[in-house]
N, C-alpha and C. Protein backbone atom coordinates (compact mmCIF):
# COMPACT_ATOMS: atom_id res chain seq x y z
N MET A 1 19.54 25.54 43.76
CA MET A 1 20.12 24.94 42.57
C MET A 1 19.93 23.43 42.64
N SER A 2 19.71 22.86 41.51
CA SER A 2 19.49 21.42 41.46
C SER A 2 20.80 20.64 41.42
N GLY A 3 21.87 21.28 41.13
CA GLY A 3 23.15 20.60 41.09
C GLY A 3 23.49 20.03 39.72
N VAL A 4 22.56 20.08 38.79
CA VAL A 4 22.81 19.57 37.44
C VAL A 4 22.82 20.77 36.49
N GLY A 5 23.99 21.00 35.91
CA GLY A 5 24.11 22.11 34.98
C GLY A 5 23.58 21.76 33.61
N LYS A 6 23.67 22.72 32.70
CA LYS A 6 23.19 22.49 31.33
C LYS A 6 23.98 21.39 30.64
N THR A 7 25.26 21.28 30.96
CA THR A 7 26.06 20.23 30.32
C THR A 7 25.67 18.85 30.83
N GLY A 8 25.15 18.76 32.03
CA GLY A 8 24.71 17.48 32.57
C GLY A 8 23.38 17.03 32.00
N ARG A 9 22.55 17.98 31.58
CA ARG A 9 21.25 17.63 31.03
C ARG A 9 21.32 17.25 29.56
N ARG A 10 22.31 17.75 28.87
CA ARG A 10 22.41 17.48 27.43
C ARG A 10 22.56 15.99 27.12
N PRO A 11 23.46 15.26 27.78
CA PRO A 11 23.55 13.82 27.48
C PRO A 11 22.24 13.09 27.79
N LEU A 12 21.56 13.51 28.83
CA LEU A 12 20.28 12.88 29.16
C LEU A 12 19.25 13.15 28.07
N ALA A 13 19.23 14.36 27.54
CA ALA A 13 18.29 14.70 26.47
C ALA A 13 18.61 13.91 25.21
N VAL A 14 19.89 13.78 24.88
CA VAL A 14 20.29 13.00 23.71
C VAL A 14 19.90 11.54 23.90
N TYR A 15 20.15 11.01 25.08
CA TYR A 15 19.78 9.63 25.37
C TYR A 15 18.26 9.44 25.24
N ALA A 16 17.48 10.38 25.75
CA ALA A 16 16.02 10.27 25.69
C ALA A 16 15.54 10.29 24.24
N VAL A 17 16.11 11.15 23.41
CA VAL A 17 15.71 11.22 22.01
C VAL A 17 16.07 9.93 21.28
N VAL A 18 17.28 9.43 21.49
CA VAL A 18 17.70 8.18 20.84
C VAL A 18 16.83 7.02 21.31
N TYR A 19 16.53 6.97 22.58
CA TYR A 19 15.69 5.91 23.14
C TYR A 19 14.29 5.95 22.53
N LEU A 20 13.69 7.12 22.45
CA LEU A 20 12.35 7.24 21.88
C LEU A 20 12.34 6.92 20.39
N MET A 21 13.39 7.31 19.68
CA MET A 21 13.48 6.95 18.26
C MET A 21 13.59 5.44 18.10
N PHE A 22 14.37 4.80 18.97
CA PHE A 22 14.52 3.35 18.93
C PHE A 22 13.17 2.66 19.13
N LEU A 23 12.32 3.25 19.96
CA LEU A 23 11.01 2.67 20.21
C LEU A 23 10.00 2.95 19.11
N TYR A 24 9.97 4.17 18.59
CA TYR A 24 8.87 4.58 17.72
C TYR A 24 9.14 4.50 16.23
N VAL A 25 10.37 4.56 15.80
CA VAL A 25 10.65 4.50 14.35
C VAL A 25 10.19 3.19 13.75
N PRO A 26 10.42 2.04 14.38
CA PRO A 26 9.88 0.80 13.78
C PRO A 26 8.36 0.81 13.66
N VAL A 27 7.68 1.39 14.62
CA VAL A 27 6.22 1.47 14.57
C VAL A 27 5.78 2.34 13.40
N LEU A 28 6.53 3.38 13.09
CA LEU A 28 6.18 4.24 11.97
C LEU A 28 6.40 3.55 10.63
N PHE A 29 7.33 2.59 10.57
CA PHE A 29 7.59 1.87 9.33
C PHE A 29 6.62 0.72 9.08
N LEU A 30 5.91 0.26 10.09
CA LEU A 30 4.99 -0.87 9.92
C LEU A 30 3.96 -0.65 8.82
N PRO A 31 3.26 0.48 8.79
CA PRO A 31 2.30 0.67 7.70
C PRO A 31 2.96 0.68 6.32
N VAL A 32 4.15 1.21 6.21
CA VAL A 32 4.85 1.23 4.93
C VAL A 32 5.12 -0.19 4.46
N PHE A 33 5.65 -1.03 5.34
CA PHE A 33 5.98 -2.40 4.96
C PHE A 33 4.74 -3.27 4.77
N SER A 34 3.62 -2.88 5.35
CA SER A 34 2.42 -3.70 5.18
C SER A 34 1.88 -3.64 3.76
N PHE A 35 2.25 -2.62 3.01
CA PHE A 35 1.83 -2.52 1.61
C PHE A 35 2.91 -3.01 0.64
N ASN A 36 4.01 -3.55 1.15
CA ASN A 36 5.10 -4.03 0.32
C ASN A 36 4.71 -5.35 -0.35
N ASP A 37 5.09 -5.52 -1.60
CA ASP A 37 4.76 -6.73 -2.36
C ASP A 37 5.63 -7.91 -1.95
N SER A 38 6.80 -7.65 -1.39
CA SER A 38 7.73 -8.72 -1.01
C SER A 38 7.34 -9.31 0.35
N ILE A 39 7.72 -10.58 0.57
CA ILE A 39 7.46 -11.18 1.87
C ILE A 39 8.55 -10.82 2.88
N TYR A 40 9.61 -10.17 2.41
CA TYR A 40 10.71 -9.79 3.27
C TYR A 40 10.67 -8.29 3.55
N ILE A 41 11.08 -7.92 4.75
CA ILE A 41 11.17 -6.51 5.11
C ILE A 41 12.51 -5.99 4.62
N SER A 42 12.47 -5.21 3.54
CA SER A 42 13.72 -4.70 2.98
C SER A 42 13.44 -3.47 2.13
N PHE A 43 14.48 -2.68 1.96
CA PHE A 43 14.43 -1.55 1.04
C PHE A 43 15.28 -1.89 -0.15
N PRO A 44 14.99 -1.47 -1.33
CA PRO A 44 13.78 -0.75 -1.73
C PRO A 44 12.58 -1.69 -1.73
N LEU A 45 11.41 -1.09 -1.60
CA LEU A 45 10.18 -1.88 -1.62
C LEU A 45 9.97 -2.45 -3.01
N LYS A 46 9.43 -3.66 -3.09
CA LYS A 46 9.26 -4.35 -4.37
C LYS A 46 8.06 -3.84 -5.15
N GLY A 47 7.06 -3.37 -4.48
CA GLY A 47 5.86 -2.88 -5.15
C GLY A 47 4.78 -2.60 -4.13
N PHE A 48 3.66 -2.10 -4.61
CA PHE A 48 2.54 -1.74 -3.75
C PHE A 48 1.44 -2.78 -3.93
N THR A 49 0.93 -3.31 -2.81
CA THR A 49 -0.12 -4.33 -2.91
C THR A 49 -1.02 -4.31 -1.68
N PHE A 50 -2.26 -4.75 -1.88
CA PHE A 50 -3.20 -4.95 -0.79
C PHE A 50 -3.36 -6.44 -0.49
N ASP A 51 -2.52 -7.30 -1.07
CA ASP A 51 -2.65 -8.75 -0.93
C ASP A 51 -2.60 -9.20 0.53
N TRP A 52 -1.76 -8.58 1.33
CA TRP A 52 -1.65 -9.00 2.73
C TRP A 52 -2.95 -8.71 3.48
N TYR A 53 -3.60 -7.60 3.15
CA TYR A 53 -4.87 -7.27 3.79
C TYR A 53 -5.98 -8.19 3.29
N ARG A 54 -5.97 -8.52 1.99
CA ARG A 54 -6.95 -9.48 1.46
C ARG A 54 -6.79 -10.83 2.14
N SER A 55 -5.55 -11.24 2.30
CA SER A 55 -5.27 -12.52 2.95
C SER A 55 -5.77 -12.52 4.40
N MET A 56 -5.57 -11.42 5.09
CA MET A 56 -6.03 -11.33 6.47
C MET A 56 -7.55 -11.38 6.55
N MET A 57 -8.22 -10.69 5.64
CA MET A 57 -9.68 -10.66 5.67
C MET A 57 -10.29 -12.00 5.28
N SER A 58 -9.60 -12.78 4.48
CA SER A 58 -10.13 -14.08 4.08
C SER A 58 -9.81 -15.17 5.10
N ASN A 59 -8.93 -14.88 6.05
CA ASN A 59 -8.60 -15.83 7.12
C ASN A 59 -9.59 -15.61 8.26
N GLU A 60 -10.49 -16.56 8.46
CA GLU A 60 -11.60 -16.39 9.42
C GLU A 60 -11.13 -16.09 10.84
N PRO A 61 -10.17 -16.82 11.42
CA PRO A 61 -9.74 -16.48 12.79
C PRO A 61 -9.14 -15.07 12.89
N MET A 62 -8.39 -14.65 11.88
CA MET A 62 -7.82 -13.29 11.91
C MET A 62 -8.92 -12.24 11.81
N PHE A 63 -9.91 -12.49 10.96
CA PHE A 63 -11.01 -11.55 10.81
C PHE A 63 -11.81 -11.45 12.11
N GLN A 64 -12.06 -12.57 12.75
CA GLN A 64 -12.78 -12.55 14.03
C GLN A 64 -11.98 -11.82 15.11
N ALA A 65 -10.67 -12.00 15.11
CA ALA A 65 -9.82 -11.28 16.06
C ALA A 65 -9.88 -9.77 15.81
N LEU A 66 -9.88 -9.38 14.54
CA LEU A 66 -10.00 -7.96 14.20
C LEU A 66 -11.34 -7.41 14.67
N MET A 67 -12.42 -8.15 14.43
CA MET A 67 -13.74 -7.69 14.85
C MET A 67 -13.83 -7.60 16.38
N ASN A 68 -13.25 -8.55 17.09
CA ASN A 68 -13.23 -8.49 18.55
C ASN A 68 -12.46 -7.26 19.04
N SER A 69 -11.35 -6.96 18.40
CA SER A 69 -10.56 -5.79 18.78
C SER A 69 -11.35 -4.50 18.56
N ILE A 70 -12.08 -4.44 17.46
CA ILE A 70 -12.89 -3.25 17.17
C ILE A 70 -14.01 -3.11 18.20
N ARG A 71 -14.66 -4.22 18.55
CA ARG A 71 -15.73 -4.17 19.56
C ARG A 71 -15.19 -3.70 20.91
N VAL A 72 -14.06 -4.23 21.32
CA VAL A 72 -13.46 -3.83 22.60
C VAL A 72 -13.08 -2.36 22.56
N ALA A 73 -12.51 -1.90 21.46
CA ALA A 73 -12.12 -0.49 21.34
C ALA A 73 -13.34 0.43 21.42
N LEU A 74 -14.42 0.07 20.72
CA LEU A 74 -15.63 0.90 20.76
C LEU A 74 -16.26 0.90 22.15
N ALA A 75 -16.32 -0.25 22.79
CA ALA A 75 -16.88 -0.31 24.13
C ALA A 75 -16.04 0.49 25.12
N THR A 76 -14.73 0.37 25.00
CA THR A 76 -13.84 1.12 25.89
C THR A 76 -13.99 2.62 25.69
N ALA A 77 -14.09 3.05 24.43
CA ALA A 77 -14.26 4.48 24.15
C ALA A 77 -15.59 4.98 24.70
N ALA A 78 -16.65 4.19 24.55
CA ALA A 78 -17.96 4.61 25.05
C ALA A 78 -17.96 4.70 26.57
N ILE A 79 -17.41 3.69 27.23
CA ILE A 79 -17.39 3.68 28.70
C ILE A 79 -16.52 4.80 29.24
N SER A 80 -15.37 5.03 28.64
CA SER A 80 -14.49 6.10 29.13
C SER A 80 -15.09 7.47 28.88
N THR A 81 -15.89 7.61 27.83
CA THR A 81 -16.57 8.88 27.58
C THR A 81 -17.62 9.14 28.66
N LEU A 82 -18.32 8.10 29.07
CA LEU A 82 -19.34 8.25 30.11
C LEU A 82 -18.72 8.57 31.46
N LEU A 83 -17.55 8.04 31.71
CA LEU A 83 -16.90 8.30 33.00
C LEU A 83 -16.36 9.72 33.03
């Protein structure tokens, strides 16, 4: 016997679920807020827009950073596939 009954594991399971939700729920909302027309993160959303993405693509340092990230991701995927 491990010494931990079912009642001892339940609080740990609840804690693990709450902890994972605390970590991942904000990440799931990021794409939703990226299309929001408002500059503030709030509900209800003000409207749907691609302006933030247009602004990012027209900003040369941001665009270069995006391209560098894509190059690194592709190189990493290719190398890890070969290994």
